[in-house]
Amino acid sequence: MNSTSASSSNPSGVQGICPTGWHLPSEAEWNILSNYLHTAEGAVCGGFNDNVAKALASTTGWVSSTEPCAVGNEPWDNNASGFSAMPSGYYNGIYSAFASSSCFWSTTEVGNTNAFQFGILHNSAQVNVPFSGYGKNNAMSVRCVLN
């Protein structure tokens, strides 16, 4: 976050690594996106409002899955939202979950050493909400949001 303090505000107000005019999202901003998709036309899979992971995931690169409405099941049907989350995995001392997960940081802390993240898994129809606290020493993707 480029030595900026954590934020749970909406908008977060944390520019971090993002270019001028953009910011890193807080947990609240990730929740807004997720909640919007729960009611968006074409974003929900299988009639269950929580099944929105496919709407966020890219159409290529994901490990295959047979779970109904999972990101890795018929990935050509992914990305109804245009978000295009790539299966980039994460780094926690070793590079893990490449092609099977997409994990994004938020600016919202969980204690002094952890922060919330937003995650998509190849074998799940739901996004990782509620968020989980992960150690800030891990490496995950970031998404910049226009101010």
N, C-alpha and C. Protein backbone atom coordinates (compact mmCIF):
# COMPACT_ATOMS: atom_id res chain seq x y z
N MET A 1 0.83 -1.20 0.00
CA MET A 1 0.00 0.00 0.00
C MET A 1 0.87 1.25 0.00
N ASN A 2 2.14 1.04 -0.28
CA ASN A 2 3.06 2.17 -0.40
C ASN A 2 3.14 2.97 0.90
N SER A 3 3.22 2.25 2.03
CA SER A 3 3.34 2.83 3.38
C SER A 3 2.13 3.65 3.82
N THR A 4 0.99 3.45 3.19
CA THR A 4 -0.25 4.14 3.57
C THR A 4 -0.96 3.33 4.64
N SER A 5 -1.65 4.00 5.55
CA SER A 5 -2.42 3.32 6.59
C SER A 5 -3.58 2.56 5.99
N ALA A 6 -4.01 1.51 6.67
CA ALA A 6 -5.14 0.70 6.24
C ALA A 6 -6.42 1.52 6.28
N SER A 7 -7.43 1.05 5.55
CA SER A 7 -8.70 1.75 5.50
C SER A 7 -9.83 0.76 5.29
N SER A 8 -10.93 0.98 6.00
CA SER A 8 -12.15 0.19 5.77
C SER A 8 -13.25 1.09 5.20
N SER A 9 -12.88 2.29 4.80
CA SER A 9 -13.85 3.28 4.28
C SER A 9 -14.28 2.93 2.85
N ASN A 10 -15.35 3.59 2.43
CA ASN A 10 -15.84 3.47 1.06
C ASN A 10 -16.02 4.87 0.49
N PRO A 11 -15.15 5.28 -0.44
CA PRO A 11 -13.98 4.58 -0.96
C PRO A 11 -12.85 4.56 0.05
N SER A 12 -11.89 3.69 -0.20
CA SER A 12 -10.81 3.49 0.78
C SER A 12 -9.92 4.71 0.93
N GLY A 13 -9.70 5.46 -0.16
CA GLY A 13 -8.81 6.61 -0.12
C GLY A 13 -7.34 6.23 -0.12
N VAL A 14 -7.02 4.96 -0.38
CA VAL A 14 -5.64 4.48 -0.39
C VAL A 14 -5.18 4.30 -1.84
N GLN A 15 -4.28 5.15 -2.28
CA GLN A 15 -3.77 5.03 -3.65
C GLN A 15 -2.83 3.84 -3.77
N GLY A 16 -1.95 3.66 -2.80
CA GLY A 16 -1.02 2.55 -2.82
C GLY A 16 -0.24 2.50 -4.12
N ILE A 17 -0.21 1.33 -4.74
CA ILE A 17 0.53 1.10 -5.97
C ILE A 17 -0.21 1.60 -7.21
N CYS A 18 -1.45 2.00 -7.05
CA CYS A 18 -2.29 2.42 -8.18
C CYS A 18 -1.85 3.76 -8.76
N PRO A 19 -2.11 3.99 -10.04
CA PRO A 19 -1.76 5.29 -10.65
C PRO A 19 -2.63 6.42 -10.09
N THR A 20 -2.21 7.63 -10.32
CA THR A 20 -2.95 8.81 -9.88
C THR A 20 -4.38 8.73 -10.41
N GLY A 21 -5.34 9.03 -9.53
CA GLY A 21 -6.75 8.99 -9.91
C GLY A 21 -7.40 7.63 -9.67
N TRP A 22 -6.63 6.69 -9.13
CA TRP A 22 -7.13 5.35 -8.85
C TRP A 22 -6.80 5.00 -7.40
N HIS A 23 -7.49 3.99 -6.83
CA HIS A 23 -7.21 3.55 -5.47
C HIS A 23 -7.42 2.06 -5.31
N LEU A 24 -6.84 1.52 -4.22
CA LEU A 24 -7.06 0.12 -3.84
C LEU A 24 -8.39 0.01 -3.10
N PRO A 25 -9.19 -1.01 -3.36
CA PRO A 25 -10.50 -1.12 -2.70
C PRO A 25 -10.42 -1.66 -1.28
N SER A 26 -11.35 -1.20 -0.46
CA SER A 26 -11.52 -1.71 0.90
C SER A 26 -12.43 -2.93 0.87
N GLU A 27 -12.58 -3.59 2.01
CA GLU A 27 -13.52 -4.70 2.12
C GLU A 27 -14.93 -4.23 1.74
N ALA A 28 -15.31 -3.02 2.17
CA ALA A 28 -16.64 -2.49 1.86
C ALA A 28 -16.85 -2.38 0.35
N GLU A 29 -15.82 -1.96 -0.39
CA GLU A 29 -15.95 -1.83 -1.84
C GLU A 29 -16.05 -3.18 -2.53
N TRP A 30 -15.29 -4.18 -2.04
CA TRP A 30 -15.42 -5.52 -2.60
C TRP A 30 -16.82 -6.07 -2.33
N ASN A 31 -17.37 -5.79 -1.15
CA ASN A 31 -18.73 -6.24 -0.83
C ASN A 31 -19.77 -5.60 -1.74
N ILE A 32 -19.58 -4.33 -2.08
CA ILE A 32 -20.51 -3.66 -3.00
C ILE A 32 -20.52 -4.38 -4.34
N LEU A 33 -19.34 -4.71 -4.86
CA LEU A 33 -19.27 -5.43 -6.13
C LEU A 33 -19.99 -6.78 -6.02
N SER A 34 -19.67 -7.54 -5.00
CA SER A 34 -20.28 -8.85 -4.81
C SER A 34 -21.80 -8.75 -4.68
N ASN A 35 -22.27 -7.82 -3.85
CA ASN A 35 -23.72 -7.65 -3.65
C ASN A 35 -24.43 -7.21 -4.92
N TYR A 36 -23.78 -6.36 -5.71
CA TYR A 36 -24.37 -5.94 -6.99
C TYR A 36 -24.59 -7.15 -7.89
N LEU A 37 -23.60 -8.02 -7.96
CA LEU A 37 -23.69 -9.18 -8.83
C LEU A 37 -24.78 -10.15 -8.40
N HIS A 38 -25.12 -10.17 -7.13
CA HIS A 38 -26.17 -11.07 -6.63
C HIS A 38 -27.52 -10.78 -7.30
N THR A 39 -27.68 -9.58 -7.84
CA THR A 39 -28.96 -9.21 -8.47
C THR A 39 -28.82 -8.80 -9.93
N ALA A 40 -27.60 -8.85 -10.46
CA ALA A 40 -27.35 -8.40 -11.84
C ALA A 40 -27.80 -9.45 -12.85
N GLU A 41 -28.41 -9.00 -13.91
CA GLU A 41 -28.85 -9.87 -15.00
C GLU A 41 -27.66 -10.64 -15.58
N GLY A 42 -27.76 -11.96 -15.64
CA GLY A 42 -26.72 -12.79 -16.24
C GLY A 42 -25.53 -13.10 -15.35
N ALA A 43 -25.49 -12.55 -14.13
CA ALA A 43 -24.33 -12.76 -13.26
C ALA A 43 -24.49 -13.96 -12.33
N VAL A 44 -25.72 -14.35 -12.04
CA VAL A 44 -25.99 -15.43 -11.11
C VAL A 44 -26.10 -16.75 -11.87
N CYS A 45 -25.48 -17.79 -11.34
CA CYS A 45 -25.50 -19.11 -11.98
C CYS A 45 -26.39 -20.07 -11.19
N GLY A 46 -27.19 -20.84 -11.88
CA GLY A 46 -27.99 -21.89 -11.26
C GLY A 46 -29.11 -21.42 -10.37
N GLY A 47 -29.47 -20.14 -10.44
CA GLY A 47 -30.59 -19.63 -9.67
C GLY A 47 -30.30 -19.31 -8.22
N PHE A 48 -29.06 -19.46 -7.76
CA PHE A 48 -28.70 -19.14 -6.38
C PHE A 48 -27.94 -17.81 -6.36
N ASN A 49 -28.44 -16.82 -5.65
CA ASN A 49 -27.87 -15.48 -5.66
C ASN A 49 -26.40 -15.41 -5.29
N ASP A 50 -25.91 -16.36 -4.49
CA ASP A 50 -24.51 -16.35 -4.08
C ASP A 50 -23.56 -16.87 -5.16
N ASN A 51 -24.09 -17.49 -6.20
CA ASN A 51 -23.27 -18.09 -7.26
C ASN A 51 -22.87 -17.06 -8.30
N VAL A 52 -21.90 -16.21 -7.95
CA VAL A 52 -21.48 -15.13 -8.86
C VAL A 52 -20.00 -15.20 -9.24
N ALA A 53 -19.28 -16.21 -8.80
CA ALA A 53 -17.84 -16.30 -9.10
C ALA A 53 -17.59 -16.37 -10.60
N LYS A 54 -18.41 -17.12 -11.35
CA LYS A 54 -18.22 -17.24 -12.80
C LYS A 54 -18.32 -15.87 -13.47
N ALA A 55 -19.16 -14.99 -12.95
CA ALA A 55 -19.35 -13.66 -13.55
C ALA A 55 -18.09 -12.81 -13.42
N LEU A 56 -17.21 -13.13 -12.49
CA LEU A 56 -15.98 -12.35 -12.25
C LEU A 56 -14.74 -12.96 -12.88
N ALA A 57 -14.77 -14.26 -13.15
CA ALA A 57 -13.58 -14.99 -13.60
C ALA A 57 -13.36 -14.86 -15.11
N SER A 58 -12.09 -14.85 -15.50
CA SER A 58 -11.74 -14.84 -16.92
C SER A 58 -12.20 -16.15 -17.56
N THR A 59 -12.22 -16.19 -18.87
CA THR A 59 -12.68 -17.37 -19.60
C THR A 59 -11.56 -18.37 -19.89
N THR A 60 -10.32 -18.05 -19.53
CA THR A 60 -9.20 -18.96 -19.81
C THR A 60 -8.29 -19.10 -18.59
N GLY A 61 -7.55 -20.19 -18.58
CA GLY A 61 -6.50 -20.40 -17.60
C GLY A 61 -6.89 -21.17 -16.35
N TRP A 62 -8.15 -21.43 -16.14
CA TRP A 62 -8.62 -22.07 -14.91
C TRP A 62 -8.51 -23.58 -14.98
N VAL A 63 -8.17 -24.22 -13.86
CA VAL A 63 -8.19 -25.67 -13.73
C VAL A 63 -9.64 -26.12 -13.88
N SER A 64 -9.82 -27.23 -14.54
CA SER A 64 -11.15 -27.76 -14.79
C SER A 64 -11.83 -28.23 -13.50
N SER A 65 -13.15 -28.12 -13.47
CA SER A 65 -13.94 -28.58 -12.33
C SER A 65 -15.26 -29.13 -12.85
N THR A 66 -15.80 -30.11 -12.13
CA THR A 66 -17.11 -30.66 -12.49
C THR A 66 -18.21 -30.12 -11.58
N GLU A 67 -17.85 -29.28 -10.60
CA GLU A 67 -18.84 -28.69 -9.70
C GLU A 67 -19.78 -27.77 -10.48
N PRO A 68 -21.09 -27.92 -10.32
CA PRO A 68 -22.03 -27.04 -11.03
C PRO A 68 -21.77 -25.57 -10.70
N CYS A 69 -21.75 -24.75 -11.71
CA CYS A 69 -21.57 -23.29 -11.60
C CYS A 69 -20.19 -22.86 -11.10
N ALA A 70 -19.26 -23.79 -10.97
CA ALA A 70 -17.91 -23.44 -10.54
C ALA A 70 -17.18 -22.74 -11.68
N VAL A 71 -16.22 -21.90 -11.34
CA VAL A 71 -15.43 -21.15 -12.30
C VAL A 71 -14.76 -22.06 -13.33
N GLY A 72 -14.26 -23.22 -12.89
CA GLY A 72 -13.58 -24.15 -13.78
C GLY A 72 -14.49 -25.06 -14.58
N ASN A 73 -15.81 -24.97 -14.35
CA ASN A 73 -16.78 -25.77 -15.09
C ASN A 73 -17.31 -24.92 -16.24
N GLU A 74 -17.01 -25.32 -17.46
CA GLU A 74 -17.40 -24.56 -18.66
C GLU A 74 -16.94 -23.10 -18.57
N PRO A 75 -15.63 -22.88 -18.45
CA PRO A 75 -15.11 -21.52 -18.26
C PRO A 75 -15.43 -20.56 -19.41
N TRP A 76 -15.78 -21.07 -20.57
CA TRP A 76 -16.17 -20.17 -21.67
C TRP A 76 -17.42 -19.39 -21.33
N ASP A 77 -18.18 -19.81 -20.31
CA ASP A 77 -19.36 -19.09 -19.84
C ASP A 77 -19.04 -18.08 -18.74
N ASN A 78 -17.77 -17.94 -18.37
CA ASN A 78 -17.36 -17.00 -17.31
C ASN A 78 -17.39 -15.56 -17.82
N ASN A 79 -17.18 -14.63 -16.91
CA ASN A 79 -16.90 -13.22 -17.17
C ASN A 79 -18.10 -12.40 -17.65
N ALA A 80 -19.28 -12.70 -17.18
CA ALA A 80 -20.47 -11.91 -17.54
C ALA A 80 -20.33 -10.46 -17.10
N SER A 81 -19.52 -10.19 -16.08
CA SER A 81 -19.36 -8.82 -15.57
C SER A 81 -18.27 -8.04 -16.29
N GLY A 82 -17.38 -8.73 -17.01
CA GLY A 82 -16.24 -8.07 -17.63
C GLY A 82 -15.07 -7.85 -16.67
N PHE A 83 -15.14 -8.36 -15.47
CA PHE A 83 -14.08 -8.19 -14.46
C PHE A 83 -12.79 -8.92 -14.86
N SER A 84 -12.91 -10.09 -15.44
CA SER A 84 -11.79 -10.85 -16.00
C SER A 84 -10.70 -11.26 -15.00
N ALA A 85 -11.09 -11.74 -13.83
CA ALA A 85 -10.11 -12.19 -12.84
C ALA A 85 -9.34 -13.39 -13.38
N MET A 86 -8.03 -13.25 -13.47
CA MET A 86 -7.16 -14.33 -13.94
C MET A 86 -6.78 -15.23 -12.77
N PRO A 87 -6.56 -16.52 -13.02
CA PRO A 87 -6.20 -17.45 -11.95
C PRO A 87 -4.72 -17.33 -11.57
N SER A 88 -4.39 -16.26 -10.88
CA SER A 88 -3.00 -15.90 -10.59
C SER A 88 -2.42 -16.53 -9.35
N GLY A 89 -3.22 -17.16 -8.51
CA GLY A 89 -2.72 -17.77 -7.29
C GLY A 89 -2.24 -16.73 -6.29
N TYR A 90 -1.28 -17.14 -5.44
CA TYR A 90 -0.74 -16.25 -4.41
C TYR A 90 0.64 -16.76 -4.01
N TYR A 91 1.34 -15.98 -3.21
CA TYR A 91 2.67 -16.36 -2.72
C TYR A 91 2.70 -16.23 -1.21
N ASN A 92 3.02 -17.33 -0.52
CA ASN A 92 3.15 -17.31 0.94
C ASN A 92 4.43 -18.04 1.35
N GLY A 93 5.51 -17.69 0.70
CA GLY A 93 6.77 -18.38 0.89
C GLY A 93 7.06 -19.31 -0.27
N ILE A 94 6.00 -19.84 -0.84
CA ILE A 94 6.07 -20.60 -2.09
C ILE A 94 4.91 -20.14 -2.97
N TYR A 95 5.07 -20.23 -4.26
CA TYR A 95 4.01 -19.83 -5.18
C TYR A 95 2.97 -20.93 -5.20
N SER A 96 1.71 -20.59 -4.91
CA SER A 96 0.65 -21.59 -4.75
C SER A 96 -0.60 -21.24 -5.55
N ALA A 97 -1.33 -22.27 -5.89
CA ALA A 97 -2.68 -22.17 -6.45
C ALA A 97 -2.76 -21.48 -7.82
N PHE A 98 -1.64 -21.44 -8.55
CA PHE A 98 -1.70 -20.89 -9.90
C PHE A 98 -2.68 -21.73 -10.71
N ALA A 99 -3.56 -21.09 -11.44
CA ALA A 99 -4.59 -21.71 -12.28
C ALA A 99 -5.81 -22.20 -11.50
N SER A 100 -5.75 -22.16 -10.17
CA SER A 100 -6.91 -22.62 -9.40
C SER A 100 -7.51 -21.56 -8.49
N SER A 101 -6.86 -20.40 -8.36
CA SER A 101 -7.44 -19.34 -7.52
C SER A 101 -7.01 -17.96 -8.00
N SER A 102 -7.81 -17.01 -7.61
CA SER A 102 -7.50 -15.60 -7.87
C SER A 102 -7.78 -14.86 -6.56
N CYS A 103 -6.74 -14.29 -5.97
CA CYS A 103 -6.85 -13.65 -4.66
C CYS A 103 -6.45 -12.18 -4.77
N PHE A 104 -7.28 -11.30 -4.25
CA PHE A 104 -7.04 -9.87 -4.32
C PHE A 104 -7.03 -9.28 -2.91
N TRP A 105 -6.06 -8.39 -2.66
CA TRP A 105 -5.99 -7.69 -1.38
C TRP A 105 -7.07 -6.63 -1.28
N SER A 106 -7.45 -6.33 -0.05
CA SER A 106 -8.24 -5.14 0.26
C SER A 106 -7.39 -4.26 1.18
N THR A 107 -7.83 -3.06 1.42
CA THR A 107 -7.10 -2.15 2.31
C THR A 107 -7.54 -2.29 3.77
N THR A 108 -8.44 -3.22 4.04
CA THR A 108 -9.01 -3.39 5.38
C THR A 108 -8.20 -4.40 6.19
N GLU A 109 -7.71 -3.95 7.35
CA GLU A 109 -6.91 -4.79 8.22
C GLU A 109 -7.76 -5.71 9.09
N VAL A 110 -7.14 -6.83 9.49
CA VAL A 110 -7.65 -7.72 10.52
C VAL A 110 -6.51 -7.82 11.52
N GLY A 111 -6.52 -6.98 12.52
CA GLY A 111 -5.40 -6.92 13.45
C GLY A 111 -4.21 -6.23 12.81
N ASN A 112 -3.05 -6.33 13.45
CA ASN A 112 -1.85 -5.64 12.97
C ASN A 112 -1.13 -6.37 11.83
N THR A 113 -1.31 -7.68 11.73
CA THR A 113 -0.51 -8.44 10.77
C THR A 113 -1.29 -9.04 9.61
N ASN A 114 -2.61 -8.93 9.62
CA ASN A 114 -3.44 -9.53 8.58
C ASN A 114 -4.31 -8.48 7.89
N ALA A 115 -4.79 -8.83 6.70
CA ALA A 115 -5.72 -7.99 5.97
C ALA A 115 -6.74 -8.87 5.26
N PHE A 116 -7.90 -8.31 4.95
CA PHE A 116 -8.93 -9.04 4.24
C PHE A 116 -8.55 -9.21 2.77
N GLN A 117 -8.98 -10.33 2.20
CA GLN A 117 -8.77 -10.57 0.78
C GLN A 117 -10.08 -11.04 0.16
N PHE A 118 -10.17 -10.90 -1.14
CA PHE A 118 -11.33 -11.29 -1.94
C PHE A 118 -10.84 -12.42 -2.84
N GLY A 119 -11.47 -13.59 -2.79
CA GLY A 119 -10.95 -14.72 -3.53
C GLY A 119 -11.97 -15.45 -4.38
N ILE A 120 -11.46 -16.01 -5.48
CA ILE A 120 -12.25 -16.83 -6.40
C ILE A 120 -11.49 -18.14 -6.58
N LEU A 121 -12.20 -19.27 -6.47
CA LEU A 121 -11.58 -20.58 -6.61
C LEU A 121 -12.15 -21.33 -7.81
N HIS A 122 -11.34 -22.14 -8.45
CA HIS A 122 -11.77 -22.86 -9.66
C HIS A 122 -12.92 -23.82 -9.42
N ASN A 123 -13.05 -24.35 -8.20
CA ASN A 123 -14.06 -25.36 -7.91
C ASN A 123 -15.22 -24.84 -7.06
N SER A 124 -15.42 -23.53 -7.09
CA SER A 124 -16.49 -22.93 -6.30
C SER A 124 -17.33 -21.97 -7.15
N ALA A 125 -18.60 -21.91 -6.84
CA ALA A 125 -19.51 -20.99 -7.52
C ALA A 125 -19.62 -19.66 -6.78
N GLN A 126 -19.07 -19.60 -5.58
CA GLN A 126 -19.19 -18.40 -4.76
C GLN A 126 -17.84 -17.72 -4.60
N VAL A 127 -17.87 -16.41 -4.40
CA VAL A 127 -16.64 -15.69 -4.08
C VAL A 127 -16.37 -15.88 -2.60
N ASN A 128 -15.13 -15.65 -2.20
CA ASN A 128 -14.72 -15.82 -0.82
C ASN A 128 -15.21 -14.65 0.02
N VAL A 129 -16.52 -14.63 0.28
CA VAL A 129 -17.12 -13.62 1.14
C VAL A 129 -17.93 -14.38 2.17
N PRO A 130 -17.81 -14.19 3.48
CA PRO A 130 -17.01 -13.11 4.04
C PRO A 130 -15.53 -13.30 3.77
N PHE A 131 -14.87 -12.20 3.80
CA PHE A 131 -13.44 -12.18 3.52
C PHE A 131 -12.68 -12.91 4.60
N SER A 132 -11.50 -13.35 4.25
CA SER A 132 -10.63 -14.01 5.20
C SER A 132 -9.42 -13.12 5.47
N GLY A 133 -8.92 -13.18 6.68
CA GLY A 133 -7.72 -12.42 7.01
C GLY A 133 -6.48 -13.22 6.66
N TYR A 134 -5.61 -12.65 5.87
CA TYR A 134 -4.35 -13.30 5.49
C TYR A 134 -3.19 -12.42 5.90
N GLY A 135 -2.06 -13.05 6.18
CA GLY A 135 -0.87 -12.32 6.60
C GLY A 135 -0.43 -11.33 5.54
N LYS A 136 -0.12 -10.13 5.99
CA LYS A 136 0.31 -9.07 5.06
C LYS A 136 1.64 -9.40 4.38
N ASN A 137 2.36 -10.39 4.89
CA ASN A 137 3.62 -10.79 4.27
C ASN A 137 3.40 -11.70 3.06
N ASN A 138 2.16 -12.08 2.77
CA ASN A 138 1.83 -12.87 1.58
C ASN A 138 1.70 -11.94 0.38
N ALA A 139 1.86 -12.49 -0.79
CA ALA A 139 1.70 -11.71 -2.02
C ALA A 139 0.45 -12.18 -2.76
N MET A 140 -0.41 -11.21 -3.09
CA MET A 140 -1.63 -11.49 -3.85
C MET A 140 -1.81 -10.38 -4.87
N SER A 141 -2.76 -10.59 -5.74
CA SER A 141 -3.06 -9.58 -6.75
C SER A 141 -3.72 -8.36 -6.12
N VAL A 142 -3.68 -7.25 -6.83
CA VAL A 142 -4.42 -6.05 -6.44
C VAL A 142 -5.28 -5.61 -7.62
N ARG A 143 -6.33 -4.91 -7.31
CA ARG A 143 -7.19 -4.35 -8.33
C ARG A 143 -7.29 -2.87 -8.04
N CYS A 144 -7.06 -2.03 -9.03
CA CYS A 144 -7.19 -0.59 -8.87
C CYS A 144 -8.57 -0.13 -9.33
N VAL A 145 -9.18 0.75 -8.54
CA VAL A 145 -10.53 1.25 -8.81
C VAL A 145 -10.43 2.73 -9.13
N LEU A 146 -11.11 3.17 -10.17
CA LEU A 146 -11.11 4.57 -10.55
C LEU A 146 -11.78 5.41 -9.46
N ASN A 147 -11.15 6.51 -9.08
CA ASN A 147 -11.73 7.41 -8.05
C ASN A 147 -13.01 8.03 -8.56
